[in-house]
Every structure is written in C-alpha cells, then in structure tokens.
N, C-alpha and C. Protein backbone atom coordinates (compact mmCIF):
# COMPACT_ATOMS: atom_id res chain seq x y z
N GLN A 1 25.63 39.90 28.47
CA GLN A 1 25.32 41.45 28.01
C GLN A 1 25.59 41.86 27.46
N GLU A 2 24.98 42.12 26.40
CA GLU A 2 24.92 42.70 24.49
C GLU A 2 24.88 44.27 25.09
N SER A 3 26.31 45.24 24.54
CA SER A 3 26.70 46.42 24.24
C SER A 3 26.05 47.25 23.22
N GLU A 4 25.12 48.36 23.19
CA GLU A 4 24.84 49.23 22.54
C GLU A 4 25.77 48.79 21.10
N SER A 5 26.67 48.76 20.90
CA SER A 5 27.11 48.85 19.69
C SER A 5 27.65 47.53 19.02
N GLN A 6 27.37 46.60 19.39
CA GLN A 6 26.71 45.09 19.22
C GLN A 6 25.90 45.06 18.17
N SER A 7 25.98 44.38 16.87
CA SER A 7 24.99 44.10 15.96
C SER A 7 24.55 42.76 15.48
N SER A 8 23.36 42.48 15.36
CA SER A 8 23.04 41.15 15.37
C SER A 8 23.52 40.57 14.62
N SER A 9 24.50 40.80 13.20
CA SER A 9 25.87 40.10 12.72
C SER A 9 26.54 39.96 13.52
N ASP A 10 27.33 39.89 14.79
CA ASP A 10 28.26 39.62 15.41
C ASP A 10 27.70 37.97 15.93
N SER A 11 29.57 37.65 15.98
CA SER A 11 30.02 36.38 15.99
C SER A 11 29.12 35.77 17.18
N ILE A 12 28.68 35.26 17.90
CA ILE A 12 28.86 34.59 19.38
C ILE A 12 29.47 32.65 19.81
N LEU A 13 29.50 32.74 20.84
CA LEU A 13 30.16 31.41 21.07
C LEU A 13 29.44 31.30 22.55
N TRP A 14 28.96 29.84 22.38
CA TRP A 14 28.87 29.94 23.65
C TRP A 14 29.07 28.27 23.70
N LEU A 15 29.54 27.41 25.02
CA LEU A 15 30.08 26.25 25.53
C LEU A 15 29.38 26.26 26.73
N LYS A 16 29.13 25.08 26.20
CA LYS A 16 28.34 23.86 27.47
C LYS A 16 29.16 22.45 27.22
N ASP A 17 29.30 22.36 28.52
CA ASP A 17 29.99 21.02 28.68
C ASP A 17 31.29 20.39 27.36
N GLY A 18 31.37 21.47 26.79
CA GLY A 18 32.63 20.53 25.55
C GLY A 18 31.68 20.94 24.46
N CYS A 19 30.68 21.58 24.22
CA CYS A 19 29.86 21.40 22.96
C CYS A 19 29.21 23.04 22.80
N TYR A 20 29.82 23.37 21.31
CA TYR A 20 29.69 24.96 21.47
C TYR A 20 28.41 25.10 20.36
N LEU A 21 27.93 26.43 20.47
CA LEU A 21 27.60 26.71 19.86
C LEU A 21 27.66 28.28 19.33
N ALA A 22 28.17 28.04 17.81
CA ALA A 22 29.02 29.45 16.97
C ALA A 22 27.57 30.03 16.58
N SER A 23 26.96 30.67 16.81
CA SER A 23 26.15 31.98 15.58
C SER A 23 27.28 32.86 14.95
N TYR A 24 26.82 33.00 13.74
CA TYR A 24 27.31 34.40 12.46
C TYR A 24 26.63 34.89 11.88
N GLY A 25 26.56 35.86 11.38
CA GLY A 25 25.74 36.46 10.14
C GLY A 25 24.62 35.68 10.64
N ILE A 26 24.09 34.92 8.89
CA ILE A 26 22.71 34.54 9.59
C ILE A 26 23.00 32.63 9.75
N GLY A 27 24.19 32.66 9.73
CA GLY A 27 24.48 31.17 10.39
C GLY A 27 24.31 30.23 12.25
N GLU A 28 24.39 29.39 11.83
CA GLU A 28 24.14 28.74 13.52
C GLU A 28 24.69 27.24 13.13
N PHE A 29 25.62 26.78 13.89
CA PHE A 29 25.91 25.52 14.01
C PHE A 29 26.40 24.78 15.41
N ASN A 30 26.73 24.05 15.66
CA ASN A 30 26.83 23.27 16.74
C ASN A 30 28.22 22.55 16.62
N LEU A 31 28.98 22.39 17.37
CA LEU A 31 30.24 21.82 17.43
C LEU A 31 30.63 21.34 18.92
N ASP A 32 30.28 19.66 18.69
CA ASP A 32 30.67 19.27 19.95
C ASP A 32 32.37 18.23 20.27
N PHE A 33 33.32 19.27 21.31
CA PHE A 33 34.98 19.08 21.06
C PHE A 33 34.95 17.86 21.54
N ASN A 34 34.38 17.33 22.33
CA ASN A 34 35.07 16.38 23.31
C ASN A 34 35.52 15.07 23.01
N GLU A 35 35.04 14.43 22.37
CA GLU A 35 34.88 13.29 21.32
C GLU A 35 36.69 13.61 20.35
N PHE A 36 36.89 14.59 19.54
CA PHE A 36 38.03 15.20 19.06
C PHE A 36 39.09 15.33 19.99
N TYR A 37 38.88 16.52 20.85
CA TYR A 37 39.97 16.58 22.12
C TYR A 37 40.35 15.11 23.01
N GLN A 38 39.31 14.33 23.71
CA GLN A 38 39.91 13.24 23.98
C GLN A 38 41.14 11.89 23.34
N SER A 39 40.60 11.95 22.04
CA SER A 39 41.78 11.52 21.20
C SER A 39 42.45 12.01 21.19
N VAL A 40 42.45 13.39 20.81
CA VAL A 40 44.05 13.49 20.74
C VAL A 40 44.74 13.92 22.14
N LEU A 41 44.25 13.94 23.61
CA LEU A 41 44.74 13.93 24.37
C LEU A 41 45.10 12.42 24.54
N ASN A 42 44.78 11.30 24.23
CA ASN A 42 44.96 10.23 24.65
C ASN A 42 46.28 9.95 23.53
N PHE A 43 46.19 10.39 22.45
CA PHE A 43 47.26 9.95 21.49
C PHE A 43 48.73 10.75 22.14
N ILE A 44 48.72 12.19 22.83
CA ILE A 44 49.48 12.82 23.04
C ILE A 44 50.12 12.19 24.54
N THR A 45 48.98 11.68 25.22
CA THR A 45 49.49 10.65 26.80
C THR A 45 50.24 9.43 26.59
N SER A 46 49.61 8.64 25.01
CA SER A 46 50.54 7.94 25.11
C SER A 46 52.11 8.24 24.71
N VAL A 47 52.19 9.22 24.18
CA VAL A 47 53.55 9.59 23.84
C VAL A 47 54.42 10.35 24.81
N GLN A 48 53.85 11.60 25.09
CA GLN A 48 54.72 12.43 26.05
C GLN A 48 53.67 12.23 27.73
N LYS A 49 54.88 11.72 28.38
CA LYS A 49 54.87 11.73 29.45
C LYS A 49 55.54 12.39 30.41
N GLY A 50 55.10 13.10 31.72
CA GLY A 50 56.04 14.29 32.57
C GLY A 50 55.55 14.98 33.70
N ASP A 51 56.16 15.08 34.25
CA ASP A 51 55.36 16.36 35.14
C ASP A 51 54.88 17.04 35.06
N ASN A 52 55.05 18.05 34.07
CA ASN A 52 54.31 18.93 33.23
C ASN A 52 53.23 18.78 32.53
N PHE A 53 53.00 17.79 32.40
CA PHE A 53 52.12 17.46 31.07
C PHE A 53 50.95 18.30 31.87
N ARG A 54 50.08 17.78 32.86
CA ARG A 54 48.83 18.54 32.95
C ARG A 54 48.85 19.40 33.00
N LEU A 55 49.88 20.59 33.37
CA LEU A 55 50.10 21.95 33.30
C LEU A 55 49.84 22.08 31.59
N TRP A 56 50.40 21.72 30.61
CA TRP A 56 50.64 22.04 29.63
C TRP A 56 49.10 21.14 29.32
N GLN A 57 48.89 20.29 29.33
CA GLN A 57 47.56 20.40 29.07
C GLN A 57 46.62 21.08 29.14
N ASN A 58 45.93 21.36 30.26
CA ASN A 58 45.76 22.95 30.75
C ASN A 58 45.80 24.32 30.08
N GLU A 59 46.85 24.51 29.83
CA GLU A 59 47.22 25.43 28.71
C GLU A 59 47.14 25.18 27.19
N GLU A 60 47.38 24.21 26.74
CA GLU A 60 46.44 23.99 25.23
C GLU A 60 45.43 23.46 24.83
N LYS A 61 44.42 22.89 25.77
CA LYS A 61 42.58 23.42 25.38
C LYS A 61 42.19 23.96 25.21
N GLU A 62 42.34 25.18 25.40
CA GLU A 62 42.28 26.64 24.31
C GLU A 62 42.63 26.82 23.33
N THR A 63 44.01 26.22 22.85
CA THR A 63 44.19 26.23 21.39
C THR A 63 43.53 25.71 20.57
N TYR A 64 43.36 24.34 21.32
CA TYR A 64 42.72 23.64 20.00
C TYR A 64 40.87 23.50 19.89
N ILE A 65 40.38 24.03 20.94
CA ILE A 65 39.35 24.47 20.85
C ILE A 65 39.18 25.76 20.10
N SER A 66 39.98 26.79 19.82
CA SER A 66 39.78 27.69 19.21
C SER A 66 40.26 27.27 17.34
N ALA A 67 41.61 26.88 17.53
CA ALA A 67 41.90 25.86 16.40
C ALA A 67 40.45 25.25 15.97
N MET A 68 39.61 24.20 16.19
CA MET A 68 38.68 23.67 15.92
C MET A 68 37.23 24.93 15.29
N VAL A 69 36.69 25.89 15.98
CA VAL A 69 36.14 26.75 15.92
C VAL A 69 36.22 27.49 14.94
N ASN A 70 37.41 27.92 14.92
CA ASN A 70 37.63 28.63 13.99
C ASN A 70 37.54 27.88 12.26
N LYS A 71 38.01 26.68 11.90
CA LYS A 71 38.05 25.60 11.43
C LYS A 71 36.53 25.92 11.04
N ALA A 72 35.57 25.43 12.00
CA ALA A 72 34.04 25.01 11.58
C ALA A 72 33.62 26.14 10.97
N ILE A 73 34.26 27.15 11.47
CA ILE A 73 33.81 28.74 10.97
C ILE A 73 33.67 28.87 9.55
N ASP A 74 35.38 28.83 9.17
CA ASP A 74 35.50 28.56 7.52
C ASP A 74 34.67 28.20 7.16
N ILE A 75 34.63 26.09 7.30
CA ILE A 75 33.70 25.66 6.71
C ILE A 75 32.23 25.74 6.23
N HIS A 76 31.79 26.83 7.28
CA HIS A 76 30.32 26.89 7.22
C HIS A 76 29.95 27.92 6.53
N SER A 77 30.98 29.07 6.76
CA SER A 77 30.91 30.22 6.04
C SER A 77 31.00 30.01 4.44
N GLY A 78 31.42 29.13 3.48
CA GLY A 78 31.62 28.85 2.95
C GLY A 78 30.56 28.00 2.10
N GLU A 79 29.48 27.57 3.04
CA GLU A 79 28.31 26.93 2.36
C GLU A 79 27.43 27.91 2.39
N LYS A 80 27.09 29.02 2.30
CA LYS A 80 26.46 29.87 2.18
C LYS A 80 25.85 30.40 0.52
C-alpha cells in the first residue's frame, strides 16, 4: 500500500525468490542474491561448524542482503 505522503521518487525494493528489484528516483535495476549468498554460505560453512550455525545463518542473511542492495544502489546511482 502506498500512503499519501509517499512520492513517486521514493525507493522501493521488492524480493521474490532471492531476486530483488530496486526502484529509486528515475532508476531501476535487478539484483540476484542467490548465487552470491550461496557462495558466502559455502565458505563460512567450510570454516565454521557448530550447534548455533543455523541460527547465526538466519540472523545474518538480512545483513548480507542489505549490504548488497546498498552497494548496488550506490553503483547505479553513480551511473546517472
């Protein structure tokens, strides 16, 4: 839902099956997080094994996603 205070230039981020569509200002781009995230998980899993790994994995997933989205927005914003 869109509130009356939102403008058409607000940033919007959609997620579906690990793929993001980010819309900001006059730009828009897709970001597929699946391959990168699996790569990171494979590396971490090979180094860190323990009882609480799955809990940590679930908690950190959002951090990795946010960092990638922010970096992609920075890159695409510089292309204007």
